[in-house]
Amino acid sequence: MNLQNKTAVITGSSDGLGREIALKLAKEKTNLILIARNPEKLSEIEKECLNLGAVSVKSCPVDIRNLNELKNALQQIQIVDILINNAGIWQKVGPLEEIEESVIDDVIATNLTAMIHCTQLLLPILKKQPEAAIINISSRSGVTAPAGQSVYVASKWGVTGFTEVLKNDLKYTNIKVAGIYQGGVNTQM
């Protein structure tokens, strides 16, 4: 796929991998729609992307765990060629019984549920493009089971399963689906 002038939606784009993906795509002369919670960081990355050559950049300060916020942001999108489901959070390593309920809910909602919602909401638009791609950023923990990471691993195995089913479901369409299963990455997370 030639990336020039394509439109890419990137969740979790204000930090870490999402930020780096946005910067790389900016150099490829894409249109970017950046989704993250922090408006100040989004504003910074928006400026950086424009300086690097992005055709256009739209920032959407959204907490993707909030379905209404997510719907409102995504309903404004008319064209998307590439969806990069990158947003994710981690849990502190420890036994399950010591993990707070709110952490369990946040990890599953951010890493898995929001990814499913983003994909579902943008799929009709992706299907209209001559060629499109969905890239789900998972983790090595989506294919292994490191001790003490029960909730994070559960969310990432869910991402793996979701990605594999999407590949099968969309096999004969214009949409290519891929999962990324990277090891540890030096980010603030």
C-alpha atoms as a PDB file:
ATOM      1  CA  MET A   1       0.000   0.000   0.000  1.00  0.00           C
ATOM      2  CA  ASN A   2       1.324   3.398  -0.962  1.00  0.00           C
ATOM      3  CA  LEU A   3       0.909   5.490   2.185  1.00  0.00           C
ATOM      4  CA  GLN A   4       1.009   8.944   0.611  1.00  0.00           C
ATOM      5  CA  ASN A   5      -2.335  10.720   1.040  1.00  0.00           C
ATOM      6  CA  LYS A   6      -3.851   7.735   2.882  1.00  0.00           C
ATOM      7  CA  THR A   7      -5.770   8.489   6.071  1.00  0.00           C
ATOM      8  CA  ALA A   8      -4.702   6.670   9.213  1.00  0.00           C
ATOM      9  CA  VAL A   9      -6.484   6.591  12.564  1.00  0.00           C
ATOM     10  CA  ILE A  10      -4.112   5.868  15.453  1.00  0.00           C
ATOM     11  CA  THR A  11      -5.367   5.257  18.981  1.00  0.00           C
ATOM     12  CA  GLY A  12      -3.031   5.957  21.870  1.00  0.00           C
ATOM     13  CA  SER A  13      -1.078   8.319  19.645  1.00  0.00           C
ATOM     14  CA  SER A  14       0.249  10.822  22.185  1.00  0.00           C
ATOM     15  CA  ASP A  15       2.922   8.597  23.772  1.00  0.00           C
ATOM     16  CA  GLY A  16       5.141   5.594  23.218  1.00  0.00           C
ATOM     17  CA  LEU A  17       4.522   3.391  20.195  1.00  0.00           C
ATOM     18  CA  GLY A  18       1.502   5.377  19.015  1.00  0.00           C
ATOM     19  CA  ARG A  19       3.525   8.574  18.947  1.00  0.00           C
ATOM     20  CA  GLU A  20       6.335   6.909  17.011  1.00  0.00           C
ATOM     21  CA  ILE A  21       3.878   5.392  14.541  1.00  0.00           C
ATOM     22  CA  ALA A  22       2.312   8.831  14.000  1.00  0.00           C
ATOM     23  CA  LEU A  23       5.722  10.419  13.386  1.00  0.00           C
ATOM     24  CA  LYS A  24       6.690   7.676  10.918  1.00  0.00           C
ATOM     25  CA  LEU A  25       3.412   7.984   9.000  1.00  0.00           C
ATOM     26  CA  ALA A  26       3.786  11.779   8.941  1.00  0.00           C
ATOM     27  CA  LYS A  27       7.078  11.351   7.044  1.00  0.00           C
ATOM     28  CA  GLU A  28       5.156   9.218   4.523  1.00  0.00           C
ATOM     29  CA  LYS A  29       2.857  12.186   3.745  1.00  0.00           C
ATOM     30  CA  THR A  30      -0.314  10.706   5.207  1.00  0.00           C
ATOM     31  CA  ASN A  31      -3.426  12.277   6.695  1.00  0.00           C
ATOM     32  CA  LEU A  32      -3.535  11.491  10.398  1.00  0.00           C
ATOM     33  CA  ILE A  33      -6.354  11.252  12.904  1.00  0.00           C
ATOM     34  CA  LEU A  34      -4.769  11.029  16.340  1.00  0.00           C
ATOM     35  CA  ILE A  35      -6.777   9.695  19.263  1.00  0.00           C
ATOM     36  CA  ALA A  36      -5.582   9.884  22.866  1.00  0.00           C
ATOM     37  CA  ARG A  37      -6.696  11.172  26.256  1.00  0.00           C
ATOM     38  CA  ASN A  38      -4.231  14.022  26.773  1.00  0.00           C
ATOM     39  CA  PRO A  39      -5.113  17.143  24.703  1.00  0.00           C
ATOM     40  CA  GLU A  40      -1.796  18.876  25.452  1.00  0.00           C
ATOM     41  CA  LYS A  41       0.286  15.925  24.262  1.00  0.00           C
ATOM     42  CA  LEU A  42      -1.964  15.529  21.218  1.00  0.00           C
ATOM     43  CA  SER A  43      -1.382  19.168  20.331  1.00  0.00           C
ATOM     44  CA  GLU A  44       2.400  18.646  20.550  1.00  0.00           C
ATOM     45  CA  ILE A  45       2.387  15.524  18.396  1.00  0.00           C
ATOM     46  CA  GLU A  46       0.059  17.210  15.901  1.00  0.00           C
ATOM     47  CA  LYS A  47       2.609  20.022  15.397  1.00  0.00           C
ATOM     48  CA  GLU A  48       5.478  17.532  15.084  1.00  0.00           C
ATOM     49  CA  CYS A  49       3.586  15.499  12.483  1.00  0.00           C
ATOM     50  CA  LEU A  50       2.779  18.570  10.390  1.00  0.00           C
ATOM     51  CA  ASN A  51       6.426  19.647  10.531  1.00  0.00           C
ATOM     52  CA  LEU A  52       7.485  16.180   9.327  1.00  0.00           C
ATOM     53  CA  GLY A  53       5.235  16.302   6.280  1.00  0.00           C
ATOM     54  CA  ALA A  54       1.804  14.975   7.244  1.00  0.00           C
ATOM     55  CA  VAL A  55      -0.770  16.219   4.726  1.00  0.00           C
ATOM     56  CA  SER A  56      -3.253  16.919   7.529  1.00  0.00           C
ATOM     57  CA  VAL A  57      -3.578  16.089  11.211  1.00  0.00           C
ATOM     58  CA  LYS A  58      -6.742  16.014  13.293  1.00  0.00           C
ATOM     59  CA  SER A  59      -6.460  15.505  17.043  1.00  0.00           C
ATOM     60  CA  CYS A  60      -9.271  13.823  18.943  1.00  0.00           C
ATOM     61  CA  PRO A  61      -8.877  14.026  22.712  1.00  0.00           C
ATOM     62  CA  VAL A  62     -10.950  11.001  23.707  1.00  0.00           C
ATOM     63  CA  ASP A  63     -10.936   8.478  26.520  1.00  0.00           C
ATOM     64  CA  ILE A  64     -11.563   5.387  24.418  1.00  0.00           C
ATOM     65  CA  ARG A  65     -12.925   3.572  27.469  1.00  0.00           C
ATOM     66  CA  ASN A  66     -15.944   5.870  27.240  1.00  0.00           C
ATOM     67  CA  LEU A  67     -18.057   4.483  24.404  1.00  0.00           C
ATOM     68  CA  ASN A  68     -20.111   7.665  23.964  1.00  0.00           C
ATOM     69  CA  GLU A  69     -16.960   9.806  23.634  1.00  0.00           C
ATOM     70  CA  LEU A  70     -15.494   7.287  21.213  1.00  0.00           C
ATOM     71  CA  LYS A  71     -18.648   7.178  19.082  1.00  0.00           C
ATOM     72  CA  ASN A  72     -18.839  10.972  18.940  1.00  0.00           C
ATOM     73  CA  ALA A  73     -15.233  11.225  17.765  1.00  0.00           C
ATOM     74  CA  LEU A  74     -15.392   8.405  15.234  1.00  0.00           C
ATOM     75  CA  GLN A  75     -18.740   9.456  13.744  1.00  0.00           C
ATOM     76  CA  GLN A  76     -17.016  12.582  12.428  1.00  0.00           C
ATOM     77  CA  ILE A  77     -14.605  10.508  10.330  1.00  0.00           C
ATOM     78  CA  GLN A  78     -15.558  10.274   6.672  1.00  0.00           C
ATOM     79  CA  ILE A  79     -12.499   8.516   5.241  1.00  0.00           C
ATOM     80  CA  VAL A  80     -10.077   6.049   6.771  1.00  0.00           C
ATOM     81  CA  ASP A  81      -7.695   3.721   4.966  1.00  0.00           C
ATOM     82  CA  ILE A  82      -5.703   2.453   7.938  1.00  0.00           C
ATOM     83  CA  LEU A  83      -6.805   1.782  11.505  1.00  0.00           C
ATOM     84  CA  ILE A  84      -4.003   1.286  13.993  1.00  0.00           C
ATOM     85  CA  ASN A  85      -5.427   0.042  17.289  1.00  0.00           C
ATOM     86  CA  ASN A  86      -2.511   0.926  19.510  1.00  0.00           C
ATOM     87  CA  ALA A  87      -3.930   2.301  22.776  1.00  0.00           C
ATOM     88  CA  GLY A  88      -3.016   0.168  25.726  1.00  0.00           C
ATOM     89  CA  ILE A  89      -2.203   0.218  29.402  1.00  0.00           C
ATOM     90  CA  TRP A  90      -0.330  -2.181  31.629  1.00  0.00           C
ATOM     91  CA  GLN A  91      -0.937  -3.534  35.107  1.00  0.00           C
ATOM     92  CA  LYS A  92       1.610  -3.676  37.895  1.00  0.00           C
ATOM     93  CA  VAL A  93       3.015  -7.212  38.146  1.00  0.00           C
ATOM     94  CA  GLY A  94       1.510  -9.153  41.031  1.00  0.00           C
ATOM     95  CA  PRO A  95      -0.953 -11.831  42.050  1.00  0.00           C
ATOM     96  CA  LEU A  96      -4.519 -11.477  40.811  1.00  0.00           C
ATOM     97  CA  GLU A  97      -5.999 -11.144  44.298  1.00  0.00           C
ATOM     98  CA  GLU A  98      -3.938  -7.977  44.851  1.00  0.00           C
ATOM     99  CA  ILE A  99      -5.076  -6.218  41.676  1.00  0.00           C
ATOM    100  CA  GLU A 100      -7.726  -3.575  42.274  1.00  0.00           C
ATOM    101  CA  GLU A 101     -11.057  -4.002  40.493  1.00  0.00           C
ATOM    102  CA  SER A 102     -10.666  -0.611  38.820  1.00  0.00           C
ATOM    103  CA  VAL A 103      -7.318  -1.696  37.337  1.00  0.00           C
ATOM    104  CA  ILE A 104      -8.906  -4.875  35.965  1.00  0.00           C
ATOM    105  CA  ASP A 105     -11.709  -2.872  34.368  1.00  0.00           C
ATOM    106  CA  ASP A 106      -9.346  -0.211  32.945  1.00  0.00           C
ATOM    107  CA  VAL A 107      -6.937  -2.730  31.403  1.00  0.00           C
ATOM    108  CA  ILE A 108      -9.680  -4.787  29.741  1.00  0.00           C
ATOM    109  CA  ALA A 109     -11.617  -1.690  28.623  1.00  0.00           C
ATOM    110  CA  THR A 110      -8.545   0.041  27.144  1.00  0.00           C
ATOM    111  CA  ASN A 111      -6.658  -2.895  25.658  1.00  0.00           C
ATOM    112  CA  LEU A 112      -9.527  -4.994  24.338  1.00  0.00           C
ATOM    113  CA  THR A 113     -13.039  -3.567  24.531  1.00  0.00           C
ATOM    114  CA  ALA A 114     -12.134  -0.171  23.042  1.00  0.00           C
ATOM    115  CA  MET A 115     -10.191  -1.885  20.247  1.00  0.00           C
ATOM    116  CA  ILE A 116     -13.254  -3.921  19.341  1.00  0.00           C
ATOM    117  CA  HIS A 117     -15.472  -0.814  19.426  1.00  0.00           C
ATOM    118  CA  CYS A 118     -13.045   1.242  17.285  1.00  0.00           C
ATOM    119  CA  THR A 119     -12.879  -1.515  14.715  1.00  0.00           C
ATOM    120  CA  GLN A 120     -16.634  -2.048  14.673  1.00  0.00           C
ATOM    121  CA  LEU A 121     -17.339   1.657  14.280  1.00  0.00           C
ATOM    122  CA  LEU A 122     -14.794   2.218  11.489  1.00  0.00           C
ATOM    123  CA  LEU A 123     -15.269  -1.043   9.592  1.00  0.00           C
ATOM    124  CA  PRO A 124     -18.048   0.292   7.308  1.00  0.00           C
ATOM    125  CA  ILE A 125     -15.758   3.160   6.213  1.00  0.00           C
ATOM    126  CA  LEU A 126     -12.747   0.868   5.753  1.00  0.00           C
ATOM    127  CA  LYS A 127     -14.827  -1.442   3.554  1.00  0.00           C
ATOM    128  CA  LYS A 128     -15.543   1.457   1.156  1.00  0.00           C
ATOM    129  CA  GLN A 129     -11.854   2.002   0.383  1.00  0.00           C
ATOM    130  CA  PRO A 130     -10.160   0.260  -2.567  1.00  0.00           C
ATOM    131  CA  GLU A 131      -7.545  -1.036  -0.128  1.00  0.00           C
ATOM    132  CA  ALA A 132      -7.477  -0.765   3.635  1.00  0.00           C
ATOM    133  CA  ALA A 133      -5.658  -2.123   6.664  1.00  0.00           C
ATOM    134  CA  ILE A 134      -6.326  -2.820  10.328  1.00  0.00           C
ATOM    135  CA  ILE A 135      -3.245  -3.195  12.500  1.00  0.00           C
ATOM    136  CA  ASN A 136      -3.777  -4.314  16.082  1.00  0.00           C
ATOM    137  CA  ILE A 137      -0.874  -3.676  18.418  1.00  0.00           C
ATOM    138  CA  SER A 138      -0.800  -6.495  20.918  1.00  0.00           C
ATOM    139  CA  SER A 139       2.248  -7.696  22.804  1.00  0.00           C
ATOM    140  CA  ARG A 140       4.420 -10.729  23.253  1.00  0.00           C
ATOM    141  CA  SER A 141       2.078 -11.232  26.209  1.00  0.00           C
ATOM    142  CA  GLY A 142      -0.646 -11.910  23.646  1.00  0.00           C
ATOM    143  CA  VAL A 143       1.050 -15.208  22.809  1.00  0.00           C
ATOM    144  CA  THR A 144       2.874 -16.048  26.064  1.00  0.00           C
ATOM    145  CA  ALA A 145       1.849 -16.103  29.715  1.00  0.00           C
ATOM    146  CA  PRO A 146       4.333 -14.218  31.930  1.00  0.00           C
ATOM    147  CA  ALA A 147       3.729 -14.729  35.642  1.00  0.00           C
ATOM    148  CA  GLY A 148       2.065 -11.923  37.567  1.00  0.00           C
ATOM    149  CA  GLN A 149       0.429 -10.271  34.536  1.00  0.00           C
ATOM    150  CA  SER A 150      -2.919 -12.069  34.566  1.00  0.00           C
ATOM    151  CA  VAL A 151      -5.150  -9.181  33.535  1.00  0.00           C
ATOM    152  CA  TYR A 152      -2.765  -7.669  30.986  1.00  0.00           C
ATOM    153  CA  VAL A 153      -2.159 -11.088  29.437  1.00  0.00           C
ATOM    154  CA  ALA A 154      -5.892 -11.812  29.328  1.00  0.00           C
ATOM    155  CA  SER A 155      -6.473  -8.532  27.473  1.00  0.00           C
ATOM    156  CA  LYS A 156      -3.666  -9.188  24.999  1.00  0.00           C
ATOM    157  CA  TRP A 157      -4.724 -12.804  24.359  1.00  0.00           C
ATOM    158  CA  GLY A 158      -8.124 -11.302  23.610  1.00  0.00           C
ATOM    159  CA  VAL A 159      -6.469  -8.963  21.103  1.00  0.00           C
ATOM    160  CA  THR A 160      -4.764 -11.974  19.502  1.00  0.00           C
ATOM    161  CA  GLY A 161      -8.033 -13.886  19.203  1.00  0.00           C
ATOM    162  CA  PHE A 162      -9.890 -10.835  17.909  1.00  0.00           C
ATOM    163  CA  THR A 163      -7.181 -10.216  15.304  1.00  0.00           C
ATOM    164  CA  GLU A 164      -7.189 -13.823  14.090  1.00  0.00           C
ATOM    165  CA  VAL A 165     -10.970 -13.856  13.716  1.00  0.00           C
ATOM    166  CA  LEU A 166     -10.884 -10.529  11.841  1.00  0.00           C
ATOM    167  CA  LYS A 167      -8.295 -11.991   9.461  1.00  0.00           C
ATOM    168  CA  ASN A 168     -10.666 -14.859   8.706  1.00  0.00           C
ATOM    169  CA  ASP A 169     -13.796 -12.723   8.530  1.00  0.00           C
ATOM    170  CA  LEU A 170     -12.207 -10.176   6.195  1.00  0.00           C
ATOM    171  CA  LYS A 171     -10.089 -12.598   4.153  1.00  0.00           C
ATOM    172  CA  TYR A 172     -11.912 -11.954   0.862  1.00  0.00           C
ATOM    173  CA  THR A 173     -12.360  -8.203   1.276  1.00  0.00           C
ATOM    174  CA  ASN A 174     -10.226  -5.160   0.505  1.00  0.00           C
ATOM    175  CA  ILE A 175      -9.075  -5.030   4.155  1.00  0.00           C
ATOM    176  CA  LYS A 176      -5.795  -6.579   5.291  1.00  0.00           C
ATOM    177  CA  VAL A 177      -5.528  -7.379   8.998  1.00  0.00           C
ATOM    178  CA  ALA A 178      -2.321  -7.780  10.994  1.00  0.00           C
ATOM    179  CA  GLY A 179      -1.317  -8.148  14.617  1.00  0.00           C
ATOM    180  CA  ILE A 180       1.950  -6.876  16.086  1.00  0.00           C
ATOM    181  CA  TYR A 181       3.364  -8.924  18.992  1.00  0.00           C
ATOM    182  CA  GLN A 182       6.393  -6.960  20.127  1.00  0.00           C
ATOM    183  CA  GLY A 183       8.441  -7.611  23.236  1.00  0.00           C
ATOM    184  CA  GLY A 184       9.276  -4.959  25.800  1.00  0.00           C
ATOM    185  CA  VAL A 185       9.512  -1.438  24.417  1.00  0.00           C
ATOM    186  CA  ASN A 186      11.156   1.464  26.209  1.00  0.00           C
ATOM    187  CA  THR A 187       8.169   3.758  26.777  1.00  0.00           C
ATOM    188  CA  GLN A 188       6.804   5.611  29.800  1.00  0.00           C
ATOM    189  CA  MET A 189       4.401   2.698  30.322  1.00  0.00           C
END
